[in-house]
Amino acid sequence: MPDENLLDQAQPQLDVVRRKSPAEANIEPQELGKRVKEIRLQQNLTLEEASKLTGLARSTLSKIENEQISPTFSAVSKLVKGLGIDIPQLFTKTNTQTGRGGRRDITLSGEGKPRLTPTYEHQILGAQLLNKKMLPYHTTIRARSFEEFDGWVRHQGEELLYVLKGSITFFTEFYEPIQLSEGDSAYYDCEMGHALVSTSENDAEILWVTA
């Protein structure tokens, strides 16, 4: 269950839910599905990966993201725990204003926010900043063959990868696989299916930036 302090921060949004049955009451619509999808894509997770992390069925997640159903309080709790977020993040609208701003976030070596998948080990950088225009993360590639993936990885946006250590095979939907080594990089559309596997003796490490 999420930390009670986090629940208190979201009290105004959740009061209406707690007056009903906590396990079955629905969260009132606030473009919550849109926020869930934004957060999932920011973490570079497919629906299948998010389903495994949260314990919610893939079809349920899809319906929530497309505003076809409103999540129960129980479902929101699973989303918070599985995606490693605070409840208030679900109710914070994306800031579309432009301007110079003055935000800053420092991530020391080895202190990135961890996010594990069956094929990758991510350390999300700049994790304290919300509504970022890009998502940088340091990733260790655990996969050793394309067969370890549940189909192509695809999501919205564009992506830059830069190989920090070791070597990888970069698989893309419309191109032949290509070998990349330390110092090599690639920029591509994320909606095109893609996947990375390590080909060096030790697991390769890359810097990934998604926008």
N, C-alpha and C. Protein backbone atom coordinates (compact mmCIF):
# COMPACT_ATOMS: atom_id res chain seq x y z
N MET A 1 0.84 -1.19 0.00
CA MET A 1 0.00 0.00 0.00
C MET A 1 0.87 1.25 0.00
N PRO A 2 0.42 2.34 -0.61
CA PRO A 2 1.23 3.55 -0.64
C PRO A 2 1.37 4.15 0.74
N ASP A 3 2.41 4.92 0.95
CA ASP A 3 2.67 5.60 2.19
C ASP A 3 1.51 6.52 2.53
N GLU A 4 1.06 6.51 3.81
CA GLU A 4 -0.07 7.34 4.21
C GLU A 4 0.22 8.82 4.04
N ASN A 5 1.49 9.23 4.16
CA ASN A 5 1.82 10.64 3.95
C ASN A 5 1.50 11.08 2.53
N LEU A 6 1.72 10.18 1.57
CA LEU A 6 1.41 10.50 0.18
C LEU A 6 -0.08 10.59 -0.03
N LEU A 7 -0.83 9.73 0.67
CA LEU A 7 -2.28 9.79 0.55
C LEU A 7 -2.81 11.11 1.11
N ASP A 8 -2.19 11.58 2.21
CA ASP A 8 -2.62 12.84 2.79
C ASP A 8 -2.41 14.00 1.84
N GLN A 9 -1.34 13.97 1.05
CA GLN A 9 -1.06 15.04 0.10
C GLN A 9 -2.15 15.13 -0.96
N ALA A 10 -2.77 14.02 -1.25
CA ALA A 10 -3.80 13.99 -2.29
C ALA A 10 -5.20 13.99 -1.69
N GLN A 11 -5.33 14.39 -0.41
CA GLN A 11 -6.60 14.30 0.29
C GLN A 11 -7.76 14.96 -0.45
N PRO A 12 -7.62 16.18 -0.97
CA PRO A 12 -8.76 16.81 -1.65
C PRO A 12 -9.29 15.98 -2.80
N GLN A 13 -8.40 15.31 -3.54
CA GLN A 13 -8.84 14.52 -4.68
C GLN A 13 -9.46 13.21 -4.24
N LEU A 14 -9.04 12.68 -3.08
CA LEU A 14 -9.45 11.34 -2.70
C LEU A 14 -10.56 11.31 -1.66
N ASP A 15 -10.93 12.45 -1.09
CA ASP A 15 -11.99 12.47 -0.10
C ASP A 15 -13.28 11.87 -0.63
N VAL A 16 -13.61 12.23 -1.87
CA VAL A 16 -14.84 11.74 -2.45
C VAL A 16 -14.82 10.23 -2.60
N VAL A 17 -13.62 9.66 -2.77
CA VAL A 17 -13.49 8.21 -2.91
C VAL A 17 -13.67 7.52 -1.58
N ARG A 18 -13.07 8.08 -0.53
CA ARG A 18 -13.08 7.42 0.77
C ARG A 18 -14.45 7.46 1.43
N ARG A 19 -15.35 8.29 0.96
CA ARG A 19 -16.70 8.28 1.48
C ARG A 19 -17.46 7.07 0.97
N LYS A 20 -16.91 6.44 -0.09
CA LYS A 20 -17.48 5.22 -0.62
C LYS A 20 -16.64 4.05 -0.12
N SER A 21 -16.83 2.87 -0.71
CA SER A 21 -16.01 1.71 -0.36
C SER A 21 -14.61 1.90 -0.92
N PRO A 22 -13.55 1.98 -0.11
CA PRO A 22 -12.21 2.28 -0.62
C PRO A 22 -11.74 1.33 -1.70
N ALA A 23 -12.13 0.07 -1.63
CA ALA A 23 -11.63 -0.90 -2.60
C ALA A 23 -12.36 -0.82 -3.94
N GLU A 24 -13.60 -0.33 -3.93
CA GLU A 24 -14.41 -0.40 -5.14
C GLU A 24 -14.78 0.97 -5.72
N ALA A 25 -14.67 2.03 -4.91
CA ALA A 25 -15.08 3.35 -5.41
C ALA A 25 -14.20 3.79 -6.55
N ASN A 26 -14.76 4.56 -7.47
CA ASN A 26 -14.01 5.04 -8.63
C ASN A 26 -13.46 6.43 -8.37
N ILE A 27 -12.25 6.69 -8.86
CA ILE A 27 -11.67 8.02 -8.82
C ILE A 27 -12.45 8.89 -9.80
N GLU A 28 -12.80 10.09 -9.39
CA GLU A 28 -13.54 10.99 -10.27
C GLU A 28 -12.68 11.39 -11.46
N PRO A 29 -13.26 11.51 -12.66
CA PRO A 29 -12.48 11.82 -13.86
C PRO A 29 -11.74 13.15 -13.75
N GLN A 30 -10.44 13.16 -14.00
CA GLN A 30 -9.62 14.37 -14.03
C GLN A 30 -8.53 14.20 -15.07
N GLU A 31 -8.90 13.62 -16.23
CA GLU A 31 -7.90 13.25 -17.24
C GLU A 31 -6.87 12.33 -16.61
N LEU A 32 -7.34 11.50 -15.68
CA LEU A 32 -6.42 10.61 -14.97
C LEU A 32 -5.78 9.62 -15.93
N GLY A 33 -6.56 9.13 -16.90
CA GLY A 33 -6.01 8.19 -17.86
C GLY A 33 -4.87 8.79 -18.65
N LYS A 34 -5.02 10.06 -19.02
CA LYS A 34 -3.97 10.76 -19.76
C LYS A 34 -2.70 10.85 -18.93
N ARG A 35 -2.85 11.12 -17.64
CA ARG A 35 -1.68 11.24 -16.77
C ARG A 35 -0.99 9.88 -16.60
N VAL A 36 -1.80 8.82 -16.46
CA VAL A 36 -1.23 7.49 -16.33
C VAL A 36 -0.39 7.15 -17.56
N LYS A 37 -0.93 7.47 -18.74
CA LYS A 37 -0.21 7.17 -19.98
C LYS A 37 1.05 8.00 -20.07
N GLU A 38 0.98 9.29 -19.71
CA GLU A 38 2.16 10.15 -19.74
C GLU A 38 3.26 9.58 -18.86
N ILE A 39 2.89 9.17 -17.65
CA ILE A 39 3.87 8.65 -16.70
C ILE A 39 4.47 7.34 -17.21
N ARG A 40 3.62 6.47 -17.77
CA ARG A 40 4.13 5.21 -18.31
C ARG A 40 5.12 5.45 -19.44
N LEU A 41 4.79 6.37 -20.35
CA LEU A 41 5.67 6.65 -21.47
C LEU A 41 6.95 7.34 -21.01
N GLN A 42 6.84 8.19 -19.99
CA GLN A 42 8.04 8.84 -19.45
C GLN A 42 9.01 7.81 -18.89
N GLN A 43 8.49 6.71 -18.41
CA GLN A 43 9.33 5.64 -17.86
C GLN A 43 9.70 4.60 -18.92
N ASN A 44 9.31 4.89 -20.16
CA ASN A 44 9.66 4.01 -21.29
C ASN A 44 9.14 2.59 -21.08
N LEU A 45 7.93 2.48 -20.56
CA LEU A 45 7.32 1.18 -20.31
C LEU A 45 6.25 0.87 -21.34
N THR A 46 6.22 -0.35 -21.81
CA THR A 46 5.11 -0.79 -22.65
C THR A 46 3.93 -1.11 -21.73
N LEU A 47 2.74 -1.27 -22.32
CA LEU A 47 1.57 -1.66 -21.53
C LEU A 47 1.82 -2.98 -20.83
N GLU A 48 2.48 -3.90 -21.52
CA GLU A 48 2.76 -5.21 -20.94
C GLU A 48 3.67 -5.11 -19.73
N GLU A 49 4.72 -4.27 -19.84
CA GLU A 49 5.66 -4.10 -18.73
C GLU A 49 4.98 -3.41 -17.55
N ALA A 50 4.17 -2.38 -17.84
CA ALA A 50 3.45 -1.68 -16.78
C ALA A 50 2.46 -2.61 -16.10
N SER A 51 1.86 -3.51 -16.87
CA SER A 51 0.92 -4.48 -16.31
C SER A 51 1.62 -5.39 -15.30
N LYS A 52 2.82 -5.86 -15.64
CA LYS A 52 3.56 -6.73 -14.74
C LYS A 52 3.99 -5.99 -13.47
N LEU A 53 4.35 -4.73 -13.61
CA LEU A 53 4.81 -3.95 -12.45
C LEU A 53 3.66 -3.61 -11.50
N THR A 54 2.49 -3.33 -12.06
CA THR A 54 1.36 -2.87 -11.23
C THR A 54 0.42 -3.99 -10.81
N GLY A 55 0.46 -5.11 -11.51
CA GLY A 55 -0.47 -6.18 -11.20
C GLY A 55 -1.85 -5.96 -11.80
N LEU A 56 -1.99 -4.94 -12.64
CA LEU A 56 -3.25 -4.68 -13.33
C LEU A 56 -3.20 -5.31 -14.72
N ALA A 57 -4.31 -5.85 -15.16
CA ALA A 57 -4.36 -6.47 -16.48
C ALA A 57 -4.04 -5.45 -17.56
N ARG A 58 -3.39 -5.90 -18.62
CA ARG A 58 -3.04 -5.01 -19.73
C ARG A 58 -4.28 -4.34 -20.29
N SER A 59 -5.37 -5.08 -20.42
CA SER A 59 -6.61 -4.51 -20.96
C SER A 59 -7.18 -3.45 -20.03
N THR A 60 -7.03 -3.65 -18.72
CA THR A 60 -7.52 -2.67 -17.75
C THR A 60 -6.72 -1.38 -17.86
N LEU A 61 -5.38 -1.51 -17.95
CA LEU A 61 -4.53 -0.33 -18.10
C LEU A 61 -4.89 0.44 -19.37
N SER A 62 -5.11 -0.27 -20.45
CA SER A 62 -5.45 0.37 -21.72
C SER A 62 -6.75 1.14 -21.60
N LYS A 63 -7.73 0.55 -20.94
CA LYS A 63 -9.03 1.21 -20.77
C LYS A 63 -8.91 2.44 -19.88
N ILE A 64 -8.06 2.36 -18.84
CA ILE A 64 -7.84 3.52 -17.96
C ILE A 64 -7.20 4.65 -18.75
N GLU A 65 -6.16 4.32 -19.53
CA GLU A 65 -5.43 5.34 -20.29
C GLU A 65 -6.31 6.00 -21.35
N ASN A 66 -7.26 5.26 -21.90
CA ASN A 66 -8.14 5.80 -22.94
C ASN A 66 -9.45 6.33 -22.39
N GLU A 67 -9.49 6.52 -21.03
CA GLU A 67 -10.65 7.10 -20.36
C GLU A 67 -11.93 6.29 -20.60
N GLN A 68 -11.76 4.99 -20.83
CA GLN A 68 -12.94 4.14 -21.03
C GLN A 68 -13.52 3.67 -19.70
N ILE A 69 -12.67 3.61 -18.68
CA ILE A 69 -13.13 3.31 -17.32
C ILE A 69 -12.38 4.21 -16.36
N SER A 70 -12.97 4.44 -15.19
CA SER A 70 -12.29 5.18 -14.13
C SER A 70 -11.70 4.17 -13.16
N PRO A 71 -10.43 4.34 -12.77
CA PRO A 71 -9.80 3.35 -11.88
C PRO A 71 -10.38 3.40 -10.48
N THR A 72 -10.48 2.24 -9.85
CA THR A 72 -10.89 2.19 -8.45
C THR A 72 -9.75 2.69 -7.58
N PHE A 73 -10.06 2.95 -6.31
CA PHE A 73 -9.02 3.37 -5.38
C PHE A 73 -7.95 2.29 -5.28
N SER A 74 -8.38 1.02 -5.31
CA SER A 74 -7.43 -0.09 -5.27
C SER A 74 -6.50 -0.06 -6.47
N ALA A 75 -7.06 0.24 -7.66
CA ALA A 75 -6.25 0.30 -8.87
C ALA A 75 -5.24 1.44 -8.80
N VAL A 76 -5.68 2.59 -8.27
CA VAL A 76 -4.77 3.74 -8.11
C VAL A 76 -3.61 3.38 -7.19
N SER A 77 -3.91 2.65 -6.11
CA SER A 77 -2.86 2.24 -5.18
C SER A 77 -1.84 1.35 -5.88
N LYS A 78 -2.32 0.45 -6.75
CA LYS A 78 -1.41 -0.44 -7.49
C LYS A 78 -0.57 0.35 -8.49
N LEU A 79 -1.19 1.36 -9.13
CA LEU A 79 -0.45 2.20 -10.07
C LEU A 79 0.67 2.95 -9.37
N VAL A 80 0.36 3.51 -8.21
CA VAL A 80 1.34 4.28 -7.45
C VAL A 80 2.53 3.40 -7.04
N LYS A 81 2.21 2.23 -6.51
CA LYS A 81 3.27 1.33 -6.05
C LYS A 81 4.08 0.78 -7.21
N GLY A 82 3.39 0.33 -8.26
CA GLY A 82 4.05 -0.31 -9.38
C GLY A 82 4.90 0.62 -10.21
N LEU A 83 4.43 1.88 -10.39
CA LEU A 83 5.15 2.85 -11.20
C LEU A 83 6.14 3.67 -10.39
N GLY A 84 6.13 3.48 -9.07
CA GLY A 84 7.08 4.17 -8.21
C GLY A 84 6.87 5.67 -8.18
N ILE A 85 5.61 6.10 -8.09
CA ILE A 85 5.29 7.53 -8.10
C ILE A 85 4.53 7.91 -6.85
N ASP A 86 4.31 9.21 -6.66
CA ASP A 86 3.47 9.72 -5.59
C ASP A 86 2.07 9.93 -6.13
N ILE A 87 1.07 9.72 -5.28
CA ILE A 87 -0.31 9.91 -5.71
C ILE A 87 -0.55 11.31 -6.30
N PRO A 88 -0.01 12.40 -5.71
CA PRO A 88 -0.26 13.72 -6.30
C PRO A 88 0.17 13.85 -7.75
N GLN A 89 1.14 13.04 -8.18
CA GLN A 89 1.58 13.11 -9.58
C GLN A 89 0.45 12.75 -10.53
N LEU A 90 -0.46 11.89 -10.09
CA LEU A 90 -1.57 11.48 -10.94
C LEU A 90 -2.57 12.62 -11.15
N PHE A 91 -2.56 13.57 -10.25
CA PHE A 91 -3.53 14.66 -10.31
C PHE A 91 -2.90 15.99 -10.70
N THR A 92 -1.62 15.95 -11.08
CA THR A 92 -0.92 17.16 -11.51
C THR A 92 -0.99 17.26 -13.02
N LYS A 93 -1.66 18.28 -13.52
CA LYS A 93 -1.78 18.45 -14.96
C LYS A 93 -0.46 18.85 -15.57
N THR A 94 -0.24 18.40 -16.80
CA THR A 94 0.98 18.76 -17.51
C THR A 94 1.06 20.26 -17.71
N ASN A 95 2.19 20.84 -17.41
CA ASN A 95 2.39 22.27 -17.56
C ASN A 95 2.78 22.58 -19.00
N THR A 96 1.91 23.25 -19.72
CA THR A 96 2.18 23.56 -21.12
C THR A 96 2.72 24.97 -21.32
N GLN A 97 2.92 25.71 -20.24
CA GLN A 97 3.43 27.08 -20.35
C GLN A 97 4.89 27.05 -20.77
N THR A 98 5.29 28.06 -21.51
CA THR A 98 6.68 28.17 -21.92
C THR A 98 7.35 29.31 -21.16
N GLY A 99 8.65 29.30 -21.13
CA GLY A 99 9.39 30.32 -20.41
C GLY A 99 10.74 29.78 -20.01
N ARG A 100 11.57 30.63 -19.48
CA ARG A 100 12.91 30.20 -19.12
C ARG A 100 12.89 29.26 -17.94
N GLY A 101 12.11 29.61 -16.92
CA GLY A 101 12.07 28.77 -15.74
C GLY A 101 13.40 28.77 -15.01
N GLY A 102 13.47 27.99 -13.94
CA GLY A 102 14.71 27.92 -13.17
C GLY A 102 14.86 26.60 -12.46
N ARG A 103 14.32 25.54 -13.04
CA ARG A 103 14.39 24.24 -12.38
C ARG A 103 15.78 23.63 -12.51
N ARG A 104 16.11 22.78 -11.53
CA ARG A 104 17.38 22.07 -11.58
C ARG A 104 17.25 20.80 -10.76
N ASP A 105 17.89 19.74 -11.22
CA ASP A 105 17.91 18.49 -10.47
C ASP A 105 19.26 17.83 -10.69
N ILE A 106 19.87 17.39 -9.61
CA ILE A 106 21.17 16.74 -9.67
C ILE A 106 20.99 15.25 -9.34
N THR A 107 21.55 14.39 -10.16
CA THR A 107 21.55 12.95 -9.87
C THR A 107 23.00 12.49 -9.76
N LEU A 108 23.40 12.12 -8.56
CA LEU A 108 24.78 11.65 -8.35
C LEU A 108 24.95 10.23 -8.91
N SER A 109 26.17 9.88 -9.18
CA SER A 109 26.48 8.58 -9.77
C SER A 109 25.89 7.44 -8.93
N GLY A 110 25.16 6.56 -9.59
CA GLY A 110 24.58 5.40 -8.92
C GLY A 110 23.32 5.69 -8.14
N GLU A 111 22.84 6.96 -8.16
CA GLU A 111 21.67 7.31 -7.37
C GLU A 111 20.44 7.59 -8.22
N GLY A 112 20.44 7.14 -9.47
CA GLY A 112 19.26 7.28 -10.30
C GLY A 112 18.11 6.43 -9.76
N LYS A 113 16.88 6.85 -10.04
CA LYS A 113 15.71 6.11 -9.57
C LYS A 113 15.62 4.80 -10.34
N PRO A 114 15.69 3.65 -9.65
CA PRO A 114 15.72 2.36 -10.36
C PRO A 114 14.38 1.99 -10.98
N ARG A 115 14.43 1.38 -12.12
CA ARG A 115 13.25 0.83 -12.78
C ARG A 115 13.68 -0.42 -13.53
N LEU A 116 13.27 -1.58 -13.04
CA LEU A 116 13.71 -2.85 -13.60
C LEU A 116 12.66 -3.42 -14.54
N THR A 117 13.12 -3.97 -15.65
CA THR A 117 12.26 -4.73 -16.55
C THR A 117 12.99 -6.05 -16.82
N PRO A 118 12.33 -7.01 -17.44
CA PRO A 118 13.00 -8.30 -17.69
C PRO A 118 14.25 -8.18 -18.58
N THR A 119 14.34 -7.11 -19.38
CA THR A 119 15.46 -6.99 -20.33
C THR A 119 16.39 -5.82 -20.04
N TYR A 120 15.91 -4.80 -19.33
CA TYR A 120 16.71 -3.62 -19.05
C TYR A 120 16.70 -3.31 -17.55
N GLU A 121 17.78 -2.65 -17.12
CA GLU A 121 17.84 -2.12 -15.75
C GLU A 121 18.08 -0.62 -15.86
N HIS A 122 17.01 0.16 -15.67
CA HIS A 122 17.09 1.60 -15.85
C HIS A 122 17.43 2.30 -14.53
N GLN A 123 18.17 3.40 -14.64
CA GLN A 123 18.31 4.39 -13.56
C GLN A 123 17.82 5.71 -14.14
N ILE A 124 16.63 6.12 -13.72
CA ILE A 124 16.05 7.35 -14.26
C ILE A 124 16.77 8.55 -13.66
N LEU A 125 17.21 9.46 -14.52
CA LEU A 125 17.95 10.65 -14.09
C LEU A 125 17.00 11.84 -14.02
N GLY A 126 17.28 12.77 -13.11
CA GLY A 126 16.41 13.94 -12.97
C GLY A 126 15.01 13.56 -12.53
N ALA A 127 14.91 12.55 -11.67
CA ALA A 127 13.61 11.99 -11.32
C ALA A 127 12.75 12.91 -10.46
N GLN A 128 13.36 13.92 -9.82
CA GLN A 128 12.59 14.80 -8.95
C GLN A 128 11.78 15.82 -9.72
N LEU A 129 12.13 16.06 -10.98
CA LEU A 129 11.41 17.05 -11.78
C LEU A 129 10.21 16.41 -12.45
N LEU A 130 9.05 17.06 -12.32
CA LEU A 130 7.84 16.59 -12.96
C LEU A 130 7.65 17.29 -14.30
N ASN A 131 6.88 16.67 -15.17
CA ASN A 131 6.50 17.27 -16.46
C ASN A 131 7.70 17.69 -17.29
N LYS A 132 8.72 16.83 -17.31
CA LYS A 132 9.90 17.13 -18.11
C LYS A 132 9.58 16.98 -19.60
N LYS A 133 10.31 17.72 -20.44
CA LYS A 133 10.14 17.60 -21.88
C LYS A 133 10.96 16.45 -22.45
N MET A 134 11.87 15.91 -21.63
CA MET A 134 12.62 14.74 -22.06
C MET A 134 12.91 13.89 -20.83
N LEU A 135 13.15 12.60 -21.07
CA LEU A 135 13.45 11.67 -19.98
C LEU A 135 14.83 11.07 -20.21
N PRO A 136 15.83 11.45 -19.38
CA PRO A 136 17.16 10.84 -19.50
C PRO A 136 17.31 9.69 -18.52
N TYR A 137 17.96 8.64 -18.94
CA TYR A 137 18.21 7.55 -18.01
C TYR A 137 19.41 6.72 -18.43
N HIS A 138 20.06 6.18 -17.42
CA HIS A 138 21.22 5.31 -17.59
C HIS A 138 20.70 3.88 -17.55
N THR A 139 21.02 3.09 -18.56
CA THR A 139 20.44 1.75 -18.67
C THR A 139 21.51 0.68 -18.85
N THR A 140 21.37 -0.38 -18.10
CA THR A 140 22.18 -1.58 -18.28
C THR A 140 21.35 -2.57 -19.09
N ILE A 141 21.91 -3.06 -20.19
CA ILE A 141 21.18 -3.97 -21.07
C ILE A 141 21.41 -5.40 -20.62
N ARG A 142 20.37 -6.01 -20.05
CA ARG A 142 20.46 -7.39 -19.57
C ARG A 142 20.19 -8.41 -20.68
N ALA A 143 19.37 -8.04 -21.64
CA ALA A 143 18.98 -8.97 -22.70
C ALA A 143 20.19 -9.41 -23.52
N ARG A 144 20.18 -10.68 -23.91
CA ARG A 144 21.25 -11.23 -24.73
C ARG A 144 20.74 -11.73 -26.08
N SER A 145 19.43 -11.72 -26.28
CA SER A 145 18.86 -12.11 -27.57
C SER A 145 17.52 -11.41 -27.76
N PHE A 146 17.15 -11.22 -29.02
CA PHE A 146 15.88 -10.55 -29.32
C PHE A 146 14.70 -11.36 -28.80
N GLU A 147 14.85 -12.67 -28.70
CA GLU A 147 13.77 -13.54 -28.27
C GLU A 147 13.36 -13.28 -26.81
N GLU A 148 14.19 -12.58 -26.05
CA GLU A 148 13.84 -12.28 -24.66
C GLU A 148 12.77 -11.20 -24.57
N PHE A 149 12.50 -10.48 -25.67
CA PHE A 149 11.50 -9.43 -25.66
C PHE A 149 10.13 -10.00 -26.04
N ASP A 150 9.10 -9.41 -25.46
CA ASP A 150 7.73 -9.79 -25.80
C ASP A 150 7.28 -8.95 -26.99
N GLY A 151 7.92 -9.16 -28.14
CA GLY A 151 7.62 -8.35 -29.32
C GLY A 151 8.42 -7.06 -29.29
N TRP A 152 8.15 -6.20 -30.27
CA TRP A 152 8.85 -4.92 -30.39
C TRP A 152 8.49 -3.99 -29.23
N VAL A 153 9.47 -3.19 -28.80
CA VAL A 153 9.22 -2.08 -27.88
C VAL A 153 8.88 -0.87 -28.73
N ARG A 154 7.78 -0.20 -28.45
CA ARG A 154 7.41 1.01 -29.18
C ARG A 154 6.62 1.93 -28.26
N HIS A 155 6.79 3.22 -28.43
CA HIS A 155 6.07 4.22 -27.65
C HIS A 155 6.17 5.54 -28.38
N GLN A 156 5.53 6.56 -27.88
CA GLN A 156 5.52 7.86 -28.54
C GLN A 156 6.84 8.59 -28.35
N GLY A 157 7.13 9.52 -29.26
CA GLY A 157 8.28 10.40 -29.11
C GLY A 157 9.48 10.01 -29.95
N GLU A 158 10.60 10.65 -29.64
CA GLU A 158 11.88 10.39 -30.30
C GLU A 158 12.90 10.05 -29.23
N GLU A 159 13.97 9.36 -29.64
CA GLU A 159 14.91 8.86 -28.66
C GLU A 159 16.34 8.93 -29.17
N LEU A 160 17.25 9.23 -28.24
CA LEU A 160 18.69 9.19 -28.52
C LEU A 160 19.30 8.16 -27.59
N LEU A 161 20.12 7.27 -28.13
CA LEU A 161 20.89 6.36 -27.29
C LEU A 161 22.37 6.58 -27.57
N TYR A 162 23.16 6.49 -26.52
CA TYR A 162 24.61 6.66 -26.61
C TYR A 162 25.25 5.54 -25.81
N VAL A 163 26.13 4.77 -26.44
CA VAL A 163 26.73 3.62 -25.77
C VAL A 163 27.87 4.08 -24.87
N LEU A 164 27.73 3.78 -23.57
CA LEU A 164 28.73 4.18 -22.59
C LEU A 164 29.79 3.10 -22.37
N LYS A 165 29.34 1.85 -22.27
CA LYS A 165 30.26 0.74 -22.02
C LYS A 165 29.80 -0.48 -22.82
N GLY A 166 30.75 -1.28 -23.28
CA GLY A 166 30.43 -2.52 -23.97
C GLY A 166 29.93 -2.29 -25.38
N SER A 167 29.20 -3.28 -25.89
CA SER A 167 28.66 -3.20 -27.24
C SER A 167 27.26 -3.80 -27.27
N ILE A 168 26.47 -3.37 -28.26
CA ILE A 168 25.08 -3.82 -28.35
C ILE A 168 24.74 -4.12 -29.81
N THR A 169 23.67 -4.88 -29.98
CA THR A 169 23.01 -4.97 -31.27
C THR A 169 21.73 -4.16 -31.17
N PHE A 170 21.55 -3.23 -32.10
CA PHE A 170 20.40 -2.33 -32.12
C PHE A 170 19.42 -2.85 -33.18
N PHE A 171 18.31 -3.40 -32.72
CA PHE A 171 17.28 -3.91 -33.61
C PHE A 171 16.22 -2.84 -33.85
N THR A 172 15.86 -2.61 -35.10
CA THR A 172 14.77 -1.69 -35.43
C THR A 172 13.87 -2.34 -36.48
N GLU A 173 12.62 -1.95 -36.44
CA GLU A 173 11.58 -2.60 -37.23
C GLU A 173 11.82 -2.54 -38.73
N PHE A 174 12.35 -1.42 -39.22
CA PHE A 174 12.45 -1.22 -40.67
C PHE A 174 13.89 -1.27 -41.20
N TYR A 175 14.85 -1.62 -40.35
CA TYR A 175 16.25 -1.64 -40.76
C TYR A 175 16.91 -2.93 -40.31
N GLU A 176 18.02 -3.25 -40.93
CA GLU A 176 18.80 -4.41 -40.52
C GLU A 176 19.43 -4.12 -39.15
N PRO A 177 19.59 -5.14 -38.30
CA PRO A 177 20.27 -4.94 -37.01
C PRO A 177 21.66 -4.37 -37.23
N ILE A 178 22.09 -3.52 -36.30
CA ILE A 178 23.40 -2.89 -36.43
C ILE A 178 24.14 -2.99 -35.10
N GLN A 179 25.46 -3.21 -35.18
CA GLN A 179 26.31 -3.28 -33.99
C GLN A 179 26.77 -1.88 -33.61
N LEU A 180 26.66 -1.54 -32.33
CA LEU A 180 27.13 -0.26 -31.81
C LEU A 180 28.06 -0.51 -30.64
N SER A 181 29.14 0.26 -30.60
CA SER A 181 30.14 0.11 -29.53
C SER A 181 30.29 1.43 -28.78
N GLU A 182 31.18 1.44 -27.79
CA GLU A 182 31.39 2.62 -26.95
C GLU A 182 31.61 3.87 -27.81
N GLY A 183 30.86 4.92 -27.50
CA GLY A 183 30.97 6.17 -28.23
C GLY A 183 30.02 6.28 -29.41
N ASP A 184 29.42 5.16 -29.84
CA ASP A 184 28.44 5.21 -30.93
C ASP A 184 27.08 5.67 -30.40
N SER A 185 26.27 6.22 -31.29
CA SER A 185 24.95 6.70 -30.88
C SER A 185 23.94 6.47 -32.00
N ALA A 186 22.67 6.61 -31.66
CA ALA A 186 21.59 6.48 -32.64
C ALA A 186 20.43 7.38 -32.20
N TYR A 187 19.77 7.96 -33.18
CA TYR A 187 18.60 8.80 -32.93
C TYR A 187 17.48 8.24 -33.81
N TYR A 188 16.29 8.03 -33.23
CA TYR A 188 15.24 7.34 -33.98
C TYR A 188 13.85 7.68 -33.44
N ASP A 189 12.85 7.37 -34.24
CA ASP A 189 11.46 7.53 -33.84
C ASP A 189 11.05 6.34 -32.98
N CYS A 190 10.49 6.64 -31.80
CA CYS A 190 10.17 5.57 -30.84
C CYS A 190 8.96 4.74 -31.25
N GLU A 191 8.11 5.29 -32.14
CA GLU A 191 6.95 4.51 -32.57
C GLU A 191 7.36 3.37 -33.49
N MET A 192 8.57 3.43 -34.03
CA MET A 192 9.13 2.31 -34.77
C MET A 192 9.61 1.28 -33.76
N GLY A 193 9.24 0.00 -33.98
CA GLY A 193 9.67 -1.04 -33.06
C GLY A 193 11.18 -1.06 -32.90
N HIS A 194 11.65 -1.23 -31.66
CA HIS A 194 13.09 -1.25 -31.41
C HIS A 194 13.41 -2.11 -30.20
N ALA A 195 14.65 -2.54 -30.09
CA ALA A 195 15.11 -3.35 -28.97
C ALA A 195 16.63 -3.39 -28.98
N LEU A 196 17.23 -3.53 -27.80
CA LEU A 196 18.68 -3.59 -27.66
C LEU A 196 19.08 -4.87 -26.94
N VAL A 197 20.18 -5.48 -27.37
CA VAL A 197 20.74 -6.62 -26.64
C VAL A 197 22.25 -6.41 -26.49
N SER A 198 22.79 -6.88 -25.40
CA SER A 198 24.23 -6.78 -25.16
C SER A 198 24.97 -7.84 -25.96
N THR A 199 26.10 -7.47 -26.52
CA THR A 199 26.93 -8.42 -27.25
C THR A 199 28.34 -8.50 -26.66
N SER A 200 28.65 -7.66 -25.68
CA SER A 200 29.96 -7.68 -25.03
C SER A 200 29.95 -8.70 -23.89
N GLU A 201 31.13 -9.02 -23.38
CA GLU A 201 31.24 -10.00 -22.30
C GLU A 201 30.43 -9.58 -21.10
N ASN A 202 30.54 -8.31 -20.71
CA ASN A 202 29.73 -7.76 -19.63
C ASN A 202 28.52 -7.03 -20.21
N ASP A 203 27.46 -6.91 -19.43
CA ASP A 203 26.27 -6.20 -19.89
C ASP A 203 26.65 -4.78 -20.31
N ALA A 204 26.17 -4.37 -21.47
CA ALA A 204 26.46 -3.02 -21.96
C ALA A 204 25.69 -1.98 -21.16
N GLU A 205 26.21 -0.76 -21.14
CA GLU A 205 25.54 0.36 -20.49
C GLU A 205 25.38 1.49 -21.49
N ILE A 206 24.20 2.12 -21.47
CA ILE A 206 23.93 3.22 -22.42
C ILE A 206 23.30 4.39 -21.69
N LEU A 207 23.40 5.56 -22.31
CA LEU A 207 22.64 6.72 -21.89
C LEU A 207 21.48 6.83 -22.89
N TRP A 208 20.26 6.94 -22.36
CA TRP A 208 19.07 7.03 -23.18
C TRP A 208 18.38 8.35 -22.88
N VAL A 209 17.96 9.07 -23.90
CA VAL A 209 17.19 10.29 -23.70
C VAL A 209 15.96 10.20 -24.58
N THR A 210 14.79 10.24 -23.96
CA THR A 210 13.51 10.16 -24.69
C THR A 210 12.80 11.49 -24.61
N ALA A 211 12.26 11.95 -25.73
CA ALA A 211 11.54 13.22 -25.76
C ALA A 211 10.26 13.05 -26.56
